[in-house]
Amino acid sequence: MNTKRLTIAESAAAAEILRRGGLVALPTETVYGLGANGLDAAAVRRIFEAKGRPQDNPLILHIPDAGWLERYCLDVPELAYWLAAAFWPGPLTMILRRRPIVPDATTGGLTTVGVRCPRHEAALAVIAAADVPIAAPSANTSGRPSCTTAADVLEDMDGKVDAVLDGGPCAVGVESTILDLTVTPPRLLRPGGLPLEELQRVCGTVAVDEAVTRQMGEGEHPRAPGMKYRHYAPKAPVTVVTGEAERSAAYIRAQITPSGGVICFDEYAPLFAQYPVQRLGSAADKGEQARRVFDALRAFDATGVTEIWAQCPDNAGLGFAIGNRLKKAAGFHVIDADGEEGRV
């Protein structure tokens, strides 16, 4: 099968592919999603086959507005509509009880479903034209870094999907924030493009699930995408170094071997001139770091590095999501440079 590369003007063609059970990679503001009709179990299973994705890893339904929530969700709380009014379209996924119309294939067998409204004109046009909710995990081979350009998608998915709708680079660069509204207080299952601080402004107290900061065990069942399995990982092993930026850079400089590569803030790139380096952006610009983090991780697969060291932002704002992606890529192999200062 040849994968077509469609332009934004061809959103109607993308919708037709989805209506007949095909797969289309779609741009969103976060990352590219691998879309199928979320109500068509056979089409959804094709997503899992194309990605090599574990069957118990649930998908997110993409809808055009909050008016569609009652179609697919039961007992929608008032808070869901407050959040939608504040942040949709945008990078927020809400976990709600599902209606029977949503197949087990989409939810990984759960009684809940994740729903969001993407902030991307092309994605919204395709959903409207298809007139079905689009199930769309990130459009990468399972376990690899997510895709933020159509070229990234084709690198992983060429020949496995029917089409890629090219909407240019993604504006946010990390996946949506996932908030479970079936529990009290609401629980953060994945930090993402909407910072936790913004959720707290609307919700008040927000609990943070343990899986955000550690690897889930084999017997645990993921309630949302990205919670359990190895994600975002390049071929070479990654070590994440947290702490004050100057100290984390110094720690990496002291520990790196000749075959290592580095992901670092722009200010510290000169320290690693003899190594393959991927710049995240300025230490102060977390928006740019979010846009670059997956490209940085993917880029090392084209090199011969045997280890990757990564500087990590603090947890404020988008830093929580960026750090989560880096730590998952590292299998939570994390070193605190502030605690190691005396050993550098």
Protein backbone atom coordinates (compact mmCIF):
# COMPACT_ATOMS: atom_id res chain seq x y z
CA MET A 1 0.00 0.00 0.00
CA ASN A 2 1.30 3.44 -0.93
CA THR A 3 0.70 6.22 1.59
CA LYS A 4 -0.71 9.37 -0.01
CA ARG A 5 0.55 12.76 1.14
CA LEU A 6 -2.45 15.08 1.18
CA THR A 7 -2.48 18.87 1.44
CA ILE A 8 -4.68 20.82 3.84
CA ALA A 9 -7.02 21.57 0.92
CA GLU A 10 -7.70 17.83 0.65
CA SER A 11 -9.39 17.43 4.04
CA ALA A 12 -12.55 16.11 2.34
CA ALA A 13 -10.50 13.31 0.78
CA ALA A 14 -9.05 12.49 4.20
CA ALA A 15 -12.56 12.36 5.68
CA GLU A 16 -13.72 9.97 2.96
CA ILE A 17 -10.83 7.60 3.73
CA LEU A 18 -11.84 7.62 7.40
CA ARG A 19 -15.52 7.03 6.63
CA ARG A 20 -14.68 3.89 4.67
CA GLY A 21 -12.54 2.45 7.47
CA GLY A 22 -9.11 3.69 6.43
CA LEU A 23 -6.27 5.30 8.39
CA VAL A 24 -5.15 8.92 8.01
CA ALA A 25 -2.38 10.65 9.94
CA LEU A 26 -3.68 14.09 10.93
CA PRO A 27 -1.94 17.22 12.20
CA THR A 28 -3.01 18.62 15.56
CA GLU A 29 -1.54 21.41 17.66
CA THR A 30 0.22 18.82 19.85
CA VAL A 31 1.62 16.03 17.64
CA TYR A 32 0.43 14.20 14.52
CA GLY A 33 -2.27 11.64 15.29
CA LEU A 34 -2.95 8.36 13.51
CA GLY A 35 -6.68 8.62 12.91
CA ALA A 36 -9.51 6.14 12.33
CA ASN A 37 -13.26 6.19 12.85
CA GLY A 38 -13.40 5.76 16.63
CA LEU A 39 -16.76 3.94 16.42
CA ASP A 40 -15.48 1.35 13.92
CA ALA A 41 -13.75 -1.43 15.88
CA ALA A 42 -12.16 -2.94 12.77
CA ALA A 43 -10.69 0.42 11.73
CA VAL A 44 -9.42 1.04 15.25
CA ARG A 45 -7.68 -2.34 15.29
CA ARG A 46 -5.80 -1.22 12.17
CA ILE A 47 -4.31 1.61 14.25
CA PHE A 48 -2.89 -0.91 16.72
CA GLU A 49 -1.51 -3.03 13.87
CA ALA A 50 0.13 -0.08 12.09
CA LYS A 51 1.75 1.20 15.27
CA GLY A 52 2.58 -2.16 16.87
CA ARG A 53 0.68 -0.81 19.87
CA PRO A 54 -0.35 -2.98 22.86
CA GLN A 55 -4.10 -3.67 22.76
CA ASP A 56 -4.68 -2.50 26.36
CA ASN A 57 -3.32 0.99 25.63
CA PRO A 58 -6.48 3.13 25.24
CA LEU A 59 -7.05 5.73 22.51
CA ILE A 60 -8.44 9.27 22.59
CA LEU A 61 -11.55 10.35 20.67
CA HIS A 62 -11.20 13.68 18.87
CA ILE A 63 -14.40 15.69 18.53
CA PRO A 64 -15.22 19.16 17.14
CA ASP A 65 -16.79 20.71 20.26
CA ALA A 66 -18.26 20.00 23.69
CA GLY A 67 -21.70 19.48 22.14
CA TRP A 68 -20.54 15.99 21.11
CA LEU A 69 -19.68 14.88 24.66
CA GLU A 70 -23.14 13.50 25.43
CA ARG A 71 -23.03 11.36 22.26
CA TYR A 72 -20.17 9.23 23.57
CA CYS A 73 -19.99 9.84 27.31
CA LEU A 74 -22.25 9.14 30.30
CA ASP A 75 -22.76 11.29 33.39
CA VAL A 76 -20.78 14.22 32.00
CA PRO A 77 -20.06 16.49 35.00
CA GLU A 78 -20.51 20.23 34.91
CA LEU A 79 -16.75 20.57 35.41
CA ALA A 80 -16.19 19.01 31.96
CA TYR A 81 -18.13 21.86 30.35
CA TRP A 82 -16.28 24.47 32.39
CA LEU A 83 -12.97 22.98 31.26
CA ALA A 84 -14.12 22.79 27.65
CA ALA A 85 -15.18 26.44 27.77
CA ALA A 86 -11.79 27.41 29.18
CA PHE A 87 -9.45 25.22 27.11
CA TRP A 88 -11.15 23.77 24.01
CA PRO A 89 -10.12 23.69 21.26
CA GLY A 90 -6.81 22.87 22.88
CA PRO A 91 -4.44 20.28 24.35
CA LEU A 92 -6.72 18.89 27.08
CA THR A 93 -8.11 15.33 27.11
CA MET A 94 -10.84 14.53 29.61
CA ILE A 95 -11.48 10.97 30.84
CA LEU A 96 -15.22 10.30 31.20
CA ARG A 97 -17.51 7.27 31.44
CA ARG A 98 -18.21 5.93 27.96
CA ARG A 99 -21.45 5.05 26.27
CA PRO A 100 -21.83 1.54 24.77
CA ILE A 101 -21.52 3.04 21.26
CA VAL A 102 -17.77 3.41 21.87
CA PRO A 103 -16.16 0.00 21.17
CA ASP A 104 -13.80 -1.84 23.51
CA ALA A 105 -11.11 -1.62 20.83
CA THR A 106 -11.02 2.16 21.30
CA THR A 107 -10.96 2.14 25.11
CA GLY A 108 -8.67 -0.82 25.70
CA GLY A 109 -11.61 -2.53 27.39
CA LEU A 110 -12.09 0.25 29.94
CA THR A 111 -15.48 1.66 30.96
CA THR A 112 -14.07 5.14 30.37
CA VAL A 113 -12.95 7.04 27.28
CA GLY A 114 -10.63 9.99 26.69
CA VAL A 115 -12.09 12.87 24.65
CA ARG A 116 -10.60 16.08 23.33
CA CYS A 117 -11.13 18.85 20.78
CA PRO A 118 -7.89 19.64 18.89
CA ARG A 119 -6.82 23.21 18.17
CA HIS A 120 -5.99 22.70 14.50
CA GLU A 121 -8.10 23.90 11.60
CA ALA A 122 -7.32 20.89 9.39
CA ALA A 123 -8.09 18.31 12.08
CA LEU A 124 -11.39 20.01 12.89
CA ALA A 125 -12.30 20.17 9.20
CA VAL A 126 -11.69 16.44 8.79
CA ILE A 127 -13.74 15.55 11.87
CA ALA A 128 -16.61 17.74 10.68
CA ALA A 129 -16.52 16.28 7.16
CA ALA A 130 -16.30 12.69 8.41
CA ASP A 131 -19.04 13.36 11.01
CA VAL A 132 -17.58 10.72 13.34
CA PRO A 133 -15.24 10.98 16.34
CA ILE A 134 -11.66 10.27 15.30
CA ALA A 135 -9.61 7.90 17.46
CA ALA A 136 -6.05 9.11 17.06
CA PRO A 137 -2.98 8.15 19.09
CA SER A 138 0.36 9.68 18.09
CA ALA A 139 1.33 8.71 14.53
CA ASN A 140 4.61 6.97 15.35
CA THR A 141 5.74 3.39 15.71
CA SER A 142 4.83 2.39 19.27
CA GLY A 143 7.65 3.25 21.67
CA ARG A 144 9.40 5.73 19.36
CA PRO A 145 9.35 9.51 19.83
CA SER A 146 6.12 11.12 18.63
CA CYS A 147 5.88 12.86 15.26
CA THR A 148 5.63 16.64 14.92
CA THR A 149 5.91 16.83 11.09
CA ALA A 150 4.47 14.89 8.16
CA ALA A 151 8.01 13.78 7.27
CA ASP A 152 8.36 12.17 10.71
CA VAL A 153 5.08 10.31 10.14
CA LEU A 154 6.20 8.98 6.77
CA GLU A 155 9.48 7.80 8.31
CA ASP A 156 7.50 5.52 10.64
CA MET A 157 4.25 4.87 8.77
CA ASP A 158 4.90 4.96 5.02
CA GLY A 159 3.07 2.02 3.48
CA LYS A 160 1.19 1.24 6.71
CA VAL A 161 -1.51 3.93 6.48
CA ASP A 162 -3.67 5.24 3.65
CA ALA A 163 -2.71 8.92 3.83
CA VAL A 164 -0.89 11.67 5.71
CA LEU A 165 -2.51 15.11 5.81
CA ASP A 166 0.40 17.57 5.85
CA GLY A 167 -0.41 20.49 8.13
CA GLY A 168 3.16 21.63 8.73
CA PRO A 169 5.02 21.49 12.06
CA CYS A 170 2.94 21.13 15.22
CA ALA A 171 2.64 24.29 17.29
CA VAL A 172 2.78 22.74 20.79
CA GLY A 173 5.00 19.70 20.26
CA VAL A 174 4.00 17.50 23.22
CA GLU A 175 0.77 15.52 23.54
CA SER A 176 -2.36 16.69 25.33
CA THR A 177 -2.74 16.84 29.08
CA ILE A 178 -5.00 14.01 30.31
CA LEU A 179 -7.34 14.65 33.25
CA ASP A 180 -9.54 11.95 34.78
CA LEU A 181 -12.94 13.43 35.69
CA THR A 182 -14.41 10.15 36.95
CA VAL A 183 -12.72 10.62 40.32
CA THR A 184 -12.72 13.33 42.99
CA PRO A 185 -10.55 15.33 43.01
CA PRO A 186 -9.77 15.18 39.27
CA ARG A 187 -6.58 13.23 38.62
CA LEU A 188 -3.78 14.16 36.21
CA LEU A 189 -2.88 11.02 34.25
CA ARG A 190 -0.46 12.67 31.80
CA PRO A 191 1.09 16.14 31.83
CA GLY A 192 0.98 17.76 28.42
CA GLY A 193 0.45 20.91 26.41
CA LEU A 194 -1.91 22.42 29.00
CA PRO A 195 0.08 23.10 32.19
CA LEU A 196 -1.11 21.71 35.51
CA GLU A 197 -1.24 25.23 36.91
CA GLU A 198 -3.93 26.13 34.34
CA LEU A 199 -6.03 23.13 35.35
CA GLN A 200 -5.73 24.08 39.01
CA ARG A 201 -7.02 27.55 38.19
CA VAL A 202 -10.34 26.00 37.04
CA CYS A 203 -10.51 22.79 39.11
CA GLY A 204 -8.87 23.80 42.37
CA THR A 205 -7.24 20.63 43.70
CA VAL A 206 -5.84 18.24 41.06
CA ALA A 207 -4.28 14.96 42.16
CA VAL A 208 -1.26 13.68 40.22
CA ASP A 209 -1.24 9.98 39.39
CA GLU A 210 1.82 8.01 40.52
CA ALA A 211 2.37 6.78 36.96
CA VAL A 212 3.38 10.33 35.96
CA THR A 213 6.57 10.00 37.99
CA ARG A 214 7.37 6.28 37.78
CA GLN A 215 7.20 3.30 35.44
CA MET A 216 3.96 1.29 35.72
CA GLY A 217 4.30 -2.36 36.62
CA GLU A 218 3.32 -5.29 34.42
CA GLY A 219 0.15 -6.02 36.41
CA GLU A 220 -1.14 -2.44 36.25
CA HIS A 221 -3.72 -1.43 33.65
CA PRO A 222 -3.27 1.97 31.97
CA ARG A 223 -6.23 4.37 32.28
CA ALA A 224 -4.89 6.66 29.58
CA PRO A 225 -2.39 6.62 26.70
CA GLY A 226 1.28 6.74 27.58
CA MET A 227 0.97 5.59 31.18
CA LYS A 228 2.36 2.06 31.13
CA TYR A 229 4.62 1.28 28.21
CA ARG A 230 8.06 2.48 27.16
CA HIS A 231 7.50 5.64 25.17
CA TYR A 232 9.35 8.27 23.18
CA ALA A 233 12.58 6.26 23.19
CA PRO A 234 15.40 6.48 20.64
CA LYS A 235 17.61 3.45 20.00
CA ALA A 236 20.40 4.51 22.36
CA PRO A 237 19.73 4.51 26.13
CA VAL A 238 18.89 7.89 27.64
CA THR A 239 19.93 9.35 30.98
CA VAL A 240 18.05 12.42 32.19
CA VAL A 241 19.82 14.91 34.44
CA THR A 242 17.65 17.21 36.53
CA GLY A 243 18.62 20.17 38.69
CA GLU A 244 19.86 23.70 38.13
CA ALA A 245 20.84 24.06 34.48
CA GLU A 246 24.50 25.00 34.99
CA ARG A 247 25.01 22.07 37.36
CA SER A 248 23.21 19.56 35.12
CA ALA A 249 25.36 20.64 32.16
CA ALA A 250 28.52 20.30 34.24
CA TYR A 251 27.47 16.85 35.44
CA ILE A 252 26.87 15.64 31.89
CA ARG A 253 30.20 17.10 30.75
CA ALA A 254 31.98 15.16 33.51
CA GLN A 255 30.22 11.84 32.84
CA ILE A 256 29.76 11.60 29.07
CA THR A 257 31.82 9.05 27.14
CA PRO A 258 33.35 9.66 23.67
CA SER A 259 30.44 7.88 21.96
CA GLY A 260 27.76 9.89 23.75
CA GLY A 261 25.26 12.43 22.47
CA VAL A 262 23.64 15.33 24.30
CA ILE A 263 20.26 17.04 24.44
CA CYS A 264 20.83 20.38 26.09
CA PHE A 265 19.68 23.96 26.41
CA ASP A 266 21.16 26.35 23.87
CA GLU A 267 23.32 28.13 26.42
CA TYR A 268 25.30 24.96 27.19
CA ALA A 269 25.81 23.57 23.69
CA PRO A 270 29.39 25.00 23.49
CA LEU A 271 30.37 22.64 26.33
CA PHE A 272 29.70 19.70 24.04
CA ALA A 273 31.21 20.92 20.76
CA GLN A 274 32.94 17.57 20.10
CA TYR A 275 29.73 15.54 20.58
CA PRO A 276 26.53 15.14 18.56
CA VAL A 277 24.20 17.73 20.12
CA GLN A 278 20.50 18.42 19.83
CA ARG A 279 19.49 21.82 21.20
CA LEU A 280 16.22 22.13 23.10
CA GLY A 281 16.12 25.91 22.94
CA SER A 282 16.88 28.43 25.63
CA ALA A 283 16.71 27.24 29.23
CA ALA A 284 14.04 29.91 29.79
CA ASP A 285 11.86 29.05 26.76
CA LYS A 286 9.78 26.00 27.61
CA GLY A 287 7.49 26.54 24.63
CA GLU A 288 10.43 26.05 22.30
CA GLN A 289 11.67 23.08 24.34
CA ALA A 290 8.27 21.40 23.95
CA ARG A 291 8.37 21.91 20.18
CA ARG A 292 11.88 20.45 19.91
CA VAL A 293 11.96 17.58 22.41
CA PHE A 294 10.67 14.82 20.11
CA ASP A 295 12.77 15.99 17.17
CA ALA A 296 15.81 15.91 19.44
CA LEU A 297 15.11 12.35 20.55
CA ARG A 298 14.39 11.12 17.00
CA ALA A 299 17.51 12.75 15.54
CA PHE A 300 19.94 10.48 17.39
CA ASP A 301 18.69 7.37 15.59
CA ALA A 302 20.57 8.59 12.51
CA THR A 303 23.85 8.75 14.45
CA GLY A 304 26.15 6.17 15.99
CA VAL A 305 25.83 7.35 19.60
CA THR A 306 25.72 4.63 22.24
CA GLU A 307 24.29 6.82 25.02
CA ILE A 308 22.25 10.02 25.22
CA TRP A 309 22.42 12.52 28.07
CA ALA A 310 19.57 15.01 28.42
CA GLN A 311 19.20 18.18 30.43
CA CYS A 312 15.75 18.47 31.98
CA PRO A 313 13.73 21.60 32.76
CA ASP A 314 12.06 22.08 36.12
CA ASN A 315 8.44 21.05 36.62
CA ALA A 316 6.86 24.50 36.33
CA GLY A 317 4.51 25.12 33.40
CA LEU A 318 5.30 23.07 30.29
CA GLY A 319 8.45 21.80 32.02
CA PHE A 320 6.37 19.10 33.73
CA ALA A 321 5.36 17.63 30.36
CA ILE A 322 8.79 18.01 28.75
CA GLY A 323 10.46 16.34 31.71
CA ASN A 324 7.88 13.55 31.68
CA ARG A 325 8.63 12.78 28.02
CA LEU A 326 12.39 12.78 28.59
CA LYS A 327 12.08 10.59 31.69
CA LYS A 328 9.83 8.10 29.89
CA ALA A 329 12.34 7.98 27.02
CA ALA A 330 14.95 7.15 29.68
CA GLY A 331 12.81 4.51 31.38
CA PHE A 332 12.92 6.85 34.40
CA HIS A 333 16.73 6.62 34.60
CA VAL A 334 17.16 10.04 36.22
CA ILE A 335 20.07 11.70 38.06
CA ASP A 336 19.65 14.85 40.16
CA ALA A 337 22.66 17.08 39.49
CA ASP A 338 21.86 19.24 42.51
CA GLY A 339 22.28 16.15 44.71
CA GLU A 340 25.43 15.11 42.83
CA GLU A 341 27.06 18.55 42.94
CA GLY A 342 29.89 17.49 45.18
CA ARG A 343 30.79 14.59 42.87
CA VAL A 344 31.05 16.55 39.60
